Amino acid sequence: MKFLFALLLMLACAGGVAAQQTKTQALPMPYYMKMIDSTSSIDVVFMLGQGGSISVDGRNVKPFNSFFEWETTPKLNTPQAGTMMWEINGKEFLSGSFYLGDTTGCLVITKNGKEYVNKISPQGNSFLKSQGRKQ
């Protein structure tokens, strides 16, 4: 009986560790707000389909940034769709990889050694899919 109890306890602990490893966290609010409000250009490189890239700058940056929510989401188990880099006056501020699902996607950014996962809205997911196909 003690063996069974010990085995169940070990399994419960292992499950807790696995749950902690898969929990994601959104980009901290100060970084997110700076990304949304202060970036002056964005470079997107597509890795699916025929590849290619797009650059977003000027007044198109704010509408494009509206595709990224300050909400975490689980990382998608899909191939990496591409990479993005946000710049402020020509200097890199943030960069990350994006993954597209059926209706939404996720953006994975590593900043200061920590990984953050933000949700891509349904509109952003659809737009990025359409742009990736055009390349």
N, C-alpha and C. Protein backbone atom coordinates (compact mmCIF):
# COMPACT_ATOMS: atom_id res chain seq x y z
N MET A 1 0.81 -1.18 0.00
CA MET A 1 0.00 0.00 0.00
C MET A 1 0.86 1.26 0.00
N LYS A 2 1.96 1.24 0.80
CA LYS A 2 2.86 2.39 0.82
C LYS A 2 3.48 2.60 -0.56
N PHE A 3 3.81 1.52 -1.24
CA PHE A 3 4.38 1.61 -2.58
C PHE A 3 3.41 2.29 -3.55
N LEU A 4 2.15 1.90 -3.48
CA LEU A 4 1.13 2.49 -4.35
C LEU A 4 0.97 3.98 -4.05
N PHE A 5 0.94 4.34 -2.78
CA PHE A 5 0.83 5.74 -2.39
C PHE A 5 2.03 6.54 -2.90
N ALA A 6 3.23 6.00 -2.74
CA ALA A 6 4.45 6.67 -3.19
C ALA A 6 4.43 6.84 -4.71
N LEU A 7 3.98 5.82 -5.42
CA LEU A 7 3.90 5.88 -6.87
C LEU A 7 2.91 6.95 -7.31
N LEU A 8 1.75 7.00 -6.68
CA LEU A 8 0.75 8.03 -7.02
C LEU A 8 1.27 9.43 -6.71
N LEU A 9 1.98 9.58 -5.61
CA LEU A 9 2.55 10.88 -5.25
C LEU A 9 3.58 11.33 -6.28
N MET A 10 4.42 10.40 -6.74
CA MET A 10 5.43 10.73 -7.75
C MET A 10 4.77 11.13 -9.07
N LEU A 11 3.73 10.42 -9.45
CA LEU A 11 3.01 10.75 -10.69
C LEU A 11 2.35 12.12 -10.59
N ALA A 12 1.79 12.43 -9.44
CA ALA A 12 1.15 13.73 -9.25
C ALA A 12 2.19 14.84 -9.34
N CYS A 13 3.35 14.64 -8.74
CA CYS A 13 4.42 15.64 -8.81
C CYS A 13 4.92 15.80 -10.24
N ALA A 14 5.10 14.73 -10.94
CA ALA A 14 5.55 14.78 -12.33
C ALA A 14 4.53 15.51 -13.19
N GLY A 15 3.26 15.28 -12.95
CA GLY A 15 2.20 15.97 -13.68
C GLY A 15 2.23 17.46 -13.40
N GLY A 16 2.50 17.85 -12.18
CA GLY A 16 2.60 19.26 -11.82
C GLY A 16 3.76 19.94 -12.51
N VAL A 17 4.90 19.26 -12.59
CA VAL A 17 6.06 19.81 -13.29
C VAL A 17 5.75 19.96 -14.77
N ALA A 18 5.11 18.96 -15.38
CA ALA A 18 4.76 19.04 -16.79
C ALA A 18 3.79 20.19 -17.04
N ALA A 19 2.85 20.40 -16.14
CA ALA A 19 1.90 21.49 -16.31
C ALA A 19 2.60 22.84 -16.22
N GLN A 20 3.58 22.96 -15.32
CA GLN A 20 4.32 24.20 -15.20
C GLN A 20 5.15 24.47 -16.44
N GLN A 21 5.70 23.45 -17.05
CA GLN A 21 6.54 23.63 -18.23
C GLN A 21 5.73 24.08 -19.43
N THR A 22 4.47 23.71 -19.52
CA THR A 22 3.67 24.07 -20.68
C THR A 22 2.91 25.37 -20.48
N LYS A 23 2.91 25.93 -19.28
CA LYS A 23 2.21 27.18 -19.03
C LYS A 23 2.98 28.31 -19.70
N THR A 24 2.25 29.16 -20.41
CA THR A 24 2.89 30.26 -21.11
C THR A 24 2.57 31.58 -20.42
N GLN A 25 3.34 32.59 -20.76
CA GLN A 25 3.19 33.90 -20.16
C GLN A 25 3.23 34.94 -21.28
N ALA A 26 2.37 35.94 -21.21
CA ALA A 26 2.35 37.01 -22.21
C ALA A 26 3.53 37.95 -21.99
N LEU A 27 3.91 38.63 -23.04
CA LEU A 27 4.95 39.64 -22.97
C LEU A 27 4.59 40.65 -21.88
N PRO A 28 5.52 41.03 -21.01
CA PRO A 28 5.20 42.00 -19.95
C PRO A 28 4.61 43.29 -20.54
N MET A 29 3.67 43.87 -19.83
CA MET A 29 2.94 45.03 -20.32
C MET A 29 3.84 46.18 -20.80
N PRO A 30 4.92 46.55 -20.10
CA PRO A 30 5.75 47.65 -20.62
C PRO A 30 6.33 47.34 -22.01
N TYR A 31 6.78 46.12 -22.24
CA TYR A 31 7.29 45.73 -23.56
C TYR A 31 6.17 45.72 -24.59
N TYR A 32 5.02 45.16 -24.20
CA TYR A 32 3.88 45.09 -25.12
C TYR A 32 3.45 46.49 -25.54
N MET A 33 3.30 47.42 -24.58
CA MET A 33 2.86 48.77 -24.90
C MET A 33 3.88 49.48 -25.79
N LYS A 34 5.16 49.27 -25.54
CA LYS A 34 6.19 49.88 -26.38
C LYS A 34 6.13 49.29 -27.78
N MET A 35 5.90 47.98 -27.89
CA MET A 35 5.76 47.33 -29.19
C MET A 35 4.58 47.92 -29.95
N ILE A 36 3.45 48.06 -29.28
CA ILE A 36 2.22 48.54 -29.91
C ILE A 36 2.30 50.03 -30.26
N ASP A 37 2.84 50.84 -29.35
CA ASP A 37 2.78 52.29 -29.50
C ASP A 37 4.03 52.95 -30.08
N SER A 38 5.20 52.33 -29.95
CA SER A 38 6.43 53.05 -30.28
C SER A 38 7.23 52.49 -31.45
N THR A 39 6.89 51.32 -31.94
CA THR A 39 7.69 50.77 -33.04
C THR A 39 7.39 51.54 -34.32
N SER A 40 8.43 51.72 -35.13
CA SER A 40 8.30 52.50 -36.36
C SER A 40 8.31 51.64 -37.61
N SER A 41 8.75 50.38 -37.49
CA SER A 41 8.70 49.46 -38.63
C SER A 41 8.75 48.02 -38.15
N ILE A 42 8.26 47.14 -39.02
CA ILE A 42 8.21 45.71 -38.71
C ILE A 42 8.64 44.96 -39.96
N ASP A 43 9.53 44.00 -39.80
CA ASP A 43 9.94 43.13 -40.90
C ASP A 43 9.42 41.73 -40.62
N VAL A 44 8.79 41.14 -41.64
CA VAL A 44 8.21 39.80 -41.52
C VAL A 44 8.84 38.92 -42.59
N VAL A 45 9.35 37.77 -42.18
CA VAL A 45 9.90 36.79 -43.10
C VAL A 45 9.05 35.53 -42.99
N PHE A 46 8.52 35.07 -44.13
CA PHE A 46 7.68 33.89 -44.16
C PHE A 46 8.53 32.65 -44.45
N MET A 47 8.24 31.58 -43.74
CA MET A 47 9.01 30.34 -43.90
C MET A 47 8.19 29.23 -44.54
N LEU A 48 6.90 29.44 -44.67
CA LEU A 48 6.04 28.43 -45.27
C LEU A 48 5.73 28.82 -46.71
N GLY A 49 5.21 27.89 -47.47
CA GLY A 49 4.89 28.18 -48.86
C GLY A 49 6.16 28.49 -49.63
N GLN A 50 6.12 29.59 -50.36
CA GLN A 50 7.29 29.96 -51.16
C GLN A 50 8.21 30.92 -50.43
N GLY A 51 7.93 31.19 -49.17
CA GLY A 51 8.78 32.09 -48.41
C GLY A 51 8.48 33.53 -48.77
N GLY A 52 9.47 34.39 -48.64
CA GLY A 52 9.30 35.80 -48.95
C GLY A 52 9.28 36.64 -47.71
N SER A 53 9.07 37.94 -47.90
CA SER A 53 9.06 38.85 -46.76
C SER A 53 8.21 40.07 -47.08
N ILE A 54 7.81 40.76 -46.03
CA ILE A 54 7.14 42.05 -46.15
C ILE A 54 7.70 42.98 -45.09
N SER A 55 7.66 44.26 -45.38
CA SER A 55 8.04 45.28 -44.41
C SER A 55 6.84 46.18 -44.20
N VAL A 56 6.60 46.52 -42.95
CA VAL A 56 5.49 47.39 -42.58
C VAL A 56 6.11 48.61 -41.92
N ASP A 57 5.75 49.81 -42.41
CA ASP A 57 6.28 51.01 -41.77
C ASP A 57 5.28 52.14 -41.85
N GLY A 58 5.65 53.25 -41.22
CA GLY A 58 4.79 54.42 -41.22
C GLY A 58 3.46 54.18 -40.56
N ARG A 59 2.41 54.69 -41.18
CA ARG A 59 1.08 54.61 -40.58
C ARG A 59 0.50 53.21 -40.62
N ASN A 60 1.13 52.27 -41.30
CA ASN A 60 0.65 50.89 -41.34
C ASN A 60 1.06 50.06 -40.13
N VAL A 61 1.99 50.58 -39.32
CA VAL A 61 2.50 49.82 -38.17
C VAL A 61 1.40 49.61 -37.12
N LYS A 62 0.68 50.65 -36.77
CA LYS A 62 -0.35 50.51 -35.71
C LYS A 62 -1.44 49.52 -36.10
N PRO A 63 -2.00 49.59 -37.31
CA PRO A 63 -3.01 48.57 -37.66
C PRO A 63 -2.43 47.15 -37.65
N PHE A 64 -1.19 47.00 -38.12
CA PHE A 64 -0.56 45.68 -38.11
C PHE A 64 -0.37 45.19 -36.68
N ASN A 65 0.07 46.07 -35.79
CA ASN A 65 0.29 45.68 -34.39
C ASN A 65 -1.01 45.30 -33.68
N SER A 66 -2.14 45.74 -34.21
CA SER A 66 -3.42 45.38 -33.58
C SER A 66 -3.71 43.89 -33.72
N PHE A 67 -2.96 43.17 -34.54
CA PHE A 67 -3.13 41.72 -34.69
C PHE A 67 -2.62 40.95 -33.48
N PHE A 68 -1.83 41.58 -32.63
CA PHE A 68 -1.19 40.90 -31.51
C PHE A 68 -1.83 41.33 -30.21
N GLU A 69 -2.36 40.36 -29.48
CA GLU A 69 -3.10 40.64 -28.27
C GLU A 69 -2.22 40.49 -27.03
N TRP A 70 -2.59 41.24 -25.99
CA TRP A 70 -1.89 41.07 -24.72
C TRP A 70 -2.62 39.99 -23.94
N GLU A 71 -2.54 38.82 -24.50
CA GLU A 71 -3.18 37.64 -23.93
C GLU A 71 -2.27 36.46 -24.29
N THR A 72 -2.01 35.63 -23.33
CA THR A 72 -1.18 34.47 -23.63
C THR A 72 -2.06 33.37 -24.22
N THR A 73 -1.42 32.46 -24.86
CA THR A 73 -2.09 31.32 -25.48
C THR A 73 -1.11 30.16 -25.50
N PRO A 74 -1.57 28.95 -25.51
CA PRO A 74 -0.62 27.83 -25.62
C PRO A 74 0.14 27.90 -26.95
N LYS A 75 1.37 27.45 -26.92
CA LYS A 75 2.14 27.38 -28.17
C LYS A 75 1.48 26.36 -29.09
N LEU A 76 1.39 26.71 -30.35
CA LEU A 76 0.78 25.82 -31.32
C LEU A 76 1.75 24.74 -31.75
N ASN A 77 1.24 23.58 -32.00
CA ASN A 77 2.03 22.46 -32.48
C ASN A 77 1.95 22.42 -34.02
N THR A 78 2.36 23.52 -34.64
CA THR A 78 2.37 23.64 -36.09
C THR A 78 3.77 24.08 -36.52
N PRO A 79 4.09 23.92 -37.79
CA PRO A 79 5.41 24.40 -38.25
C PRO A 79 5.51 25.92 -38.08
N GLN A 80 6.71 26.39 -37.85
CA GLN A 80 6.94 27.82 -37.72
C GLN A 80 6.58 28.49 -39.05
N ALA A 81 5.71 29.49 -39.00
CA ALA A 81 5.26 30.17 -40.21
C ALA A 81 6.23 31.27 -40.63
N GLY A 82 6.97 31.82 -39.66
CA GLY A 82 7.91 32.87 -40.00
C GLY A 82 8.47 33.56 -38.78
N THR A 83 9.16 34.67 -39.05
CA THR A 83 9.76 35.47 -37.99
C THR A 83 9.34 36.93 -38.19
N MET A 84 9.38 37.68 -37.10
CA MET A 84 9.08 39.11 -37.14
C MET A 84 10.10 39.86 -36.30
N MET A 85 10.36 41.09 -36.73
CA MET A 85 11.24 41.96 -35.96
C MET A 85 10.61 43.34 -35.90
N TRP A 86 10.46 43.87 -34.69
CA TRP A 86 9.94 45.21 -34.48
C TRP A 86 11.12 46.15 -34.27
N GLU A 87 11.11 47.27 -34.95
CA GLU A 87 12.21 48.24 -34.86
C GLU A 87 11.69 49.59 -34.39
N ILE A 88 12.54 50.29 -33.68
CA ILE A 88 12.27 51.67 -33.29
C ILE A 88 13.39 52.51 -33.87
N ASN A 89 13.04 53.37 -34.82
CA ASN A 89 14.02 54.22 -35.51
C ASN A 89 15.20 53.42 -36.06
N GLY A 90 14.91 52.29 -36.69
CA GLY A 90 15.93 51.49 -37.35
C GLY A 90 16.69 50.52 -36.47
N LYS A 91 16.40 50.48 -35.18
CA LYS A 91 17.09 49.57 -34.27
C LYS A 91 16.13 48.52 -33.76
N GLU A 92 16.59 47.28 -33.71
CA GLU A 92 15.75 46.17 -33.26
C GLU A 92 15.31 46.38 -31.81
N PHE A 93 14.00 46.23 -31.60
CA PHE A 93 13.44 46.28 -30.25
C PHE A 93 13.05 44.89 -29.78
N LEU A 94 12.26 44.17 -30.59
CA LEU A 94 11.82 42.82 -30.28
C LEU A 94 11.87 41.99 -31.54
N SER A 95 12.04 40.69 -31.36
CA SER A 95 11.91 39.78 -32.50
C SER A 95 11.37 38.46 -31.98
N GLY A 96 10.74 37.72 -32.88
CA GLY A 96 10.17 36.46 -32.47
C GLY A 96 9.72 35.64 -33.66
N SER A 97 9.18 34.49 -33.34
CA SER A 97 8.67 33.56 -34.35
C SER A 97 7.15 33.52 -34.23
N PHE A 98 6.49 33.25 -35.35
CA PHE A 98 5.04 33.13 -35.28
C PHE A 98 4.58 31.82 -35.88
N TYR A 99 3.47 31.36 -35.35
CA TYR A 99 2.87 30.08 -35.72
C TYR A 99 1.39 30.34 -35.99
N LEU A 100 0.86 29.78 -37.08
CA LEU A 100 -0.51 30.02 -37.47
C LEU A 100 -1.34 28.77 -37.34
N GLY A 101 -2.53 28.91 -36.76
CA GLY A 101 -3.45 27.79 -36.61
C GLY A 101 -4.63 27.95 -37.55
N ASP A 102 -5.70 27.21 -37.26
CA ASP A 102 -6.90 27.30 -38.09
C ASP A 102 -7.57 28.66 -37.96
N THR A 103 -7.69 29.16 -36.73
CA THR A 103 -8.39 30.44 -36.53
C THR A 103 -7.52 31.50 -35.87
N THR A 104 -6.63 31.13 -34.98
CA THR A 104 -5.73 32.08 -34.33
C THR A 104 -4.31 31.56 -34.44
N GLY A 105 -3.39 32.37 -34.00
CA GLY A 105 -1.99 31.96 -34.02
C GLY A 105 -1.32 32.41 -32.75
N CYS A 106 -0.01 32.21 -32.71
CA CYS A 106 0.74 32.66 -31.55
C CYS A 106 2.07 33.25 -31.99
N LEU A 107 2.52 34.20 -31.20
CA LEU A 107 3.78 34.87 -31.40
C LEU A 107 4.68 34.52 -30.22
N VAL A 108 5.85 33.98 -30.50
CA VAL A 108 6.78 33.57 -29.44
C VAL A 108 7.98 34.51 -29.47
N ILE A 109 8.15 35.26 -28.39
CA ILE A 109 9.24 36.23 -28.26
C ILE A 109 10.10 35.84 -27.08
N THR A 110 11.41 35.85 -27.26
CA THR A 110 12.33 35.65 -26.15
C THR A 110 12.98 37.00 -25.85
N LYS A 111 12.82 37.45 -24.63
CA LYS A 111 13.38 38.73 -24.21
C LYS A 111 14.05 38.54 -22.86
N ASN A 112 15.31 38.94 -22.76
CA ASN A 112 16.09 38.82 -21.53
C ASN A 112 16.09 37.39 -21.01
N GLY A 113 16.18 36.42 -21.93
CA GLY A 113 16.28 35.02 -21.55
C GLY A 113 14.97 34.34 -21.19
N LYS A 114 13.85 35.06 -21.26
CA LYS A 114 12.55 34.47 -20.94
C LYS A 114 11.70 34.40 -22.20
N GLU A 115 10.92 33.32 -22.28
CA GLU A 115 10.06 33.13 -23.43
C GLU A 115 8.64 33.60 -23.11
N TYR A 116 8.07 34.37 -24.03
CA TYR A 116 6.71 34.87 -23.89
C TYR A 116 5.90 34.46 -25.12
N VAL A 117 4.64 34.15 -24.90
CA VAL A 117 3.76 33.72 -25.99
C VAL A 117 2.51 34.59 -25.97
N ASN A 118 2.32 35.34 -27.05
CA ASN A 118 1.13 36.18 -27.18
C ASN A 118 0.25 35.65 -28.30
N LYS A 119 -1.03 35.88 -28.14
CA LYS A 119 -2.02 35.40 -29.10
C LYS A 119 -2.05 36.31 -30.33
N ILE A 120 -2.18 35.71 -31.49
CA ILE A 120 -2.44 36.44 -32.73
C ILE A 120 -3.94 36.34 -32.97
N SER A 121 -4.58 37.47 -33.19
CA SER A 121 -6.03 37.51 -33.37
C SER A 121 -6.46 36.74 -34.62
N PRO A 122 -7.74 36.39 -34.70
CA PRO A 122 -8.23 35.72 -35.91
C PRO A 122 -7.96 36.55 -37.18
N GLN A 123 -8.11 37.88 -37.09
CA GLN A 123 -7.84 38.74 -38.24
C GLN A 123 -6.37 38.69 -38.63
N GLY A 124 -5.49 38.73 -37.62
CA GLY A 124 -4.05 38.66 -37.87
C GLY A 124 -3.65 37.32 -38.45
N ASN A 125 -4.23 36.25 -37.91
CA ASN A 125 -3.94 34.91 -38.41
C ASN A 125 -4.33 34.81 -39.89
N SER A 126 -5.52 35.31 -40.22
CA SER A 126 -6.00 35.27 -41.60
C SER A 126 -5.12 36.12 -42.52
N PHE A 127 -4.76 37.32 -42.07
CA PHE A 127 -3.91 38.20 -42.87
C PHE A 127 -2.55 37.57 -43.13
N LEU A 128 -1.91 37.05 -42.08
CA LEU A 128 -0.58 36.45 -42.24
C LEU A 128 -0.64 35.22 -43.16
N LYS A 129 -1.70 34.43 -43.04
CA LYS A 129 -1.85 33.28 -43.93
C LYS A 129 -1.96 33.74 -45.38
N SER A 130 -2.76 34.77 -45.62
CA SER A 130 -2.94 35.25 -46.99
C SER A 130 -1.65 35.83 -47.55
N GLN A 131 -0.89 36.55 -46.73
CA GLN A 131 0.37 37.12 -47.20
C GLN A 131 1.41 36.03 -47.48
N GLY A 132 1.41 35.01 -46.63
CA GLY A 132 2.35 33.91 -46.83
C GLY A 132 2.08 33.15 -48.12
N ARG A 133 0.83 33.06 -48.51
CA ARG A 133 0.47 32.36 -49.76
C ARG A 133 0.86 33.18 -50.98
N LYS A 134 0.87 34.53 -50.87
CA LYS A 134 1.17 35.39 -52.00
C LYS A 134 2.65 35.37 -52.35
N GLN A 135 3.48 35.04 -51.39
CA GLN A 135 4.92 35.14 -51.60
C GLN A 135 5.42 34.12 -52.62
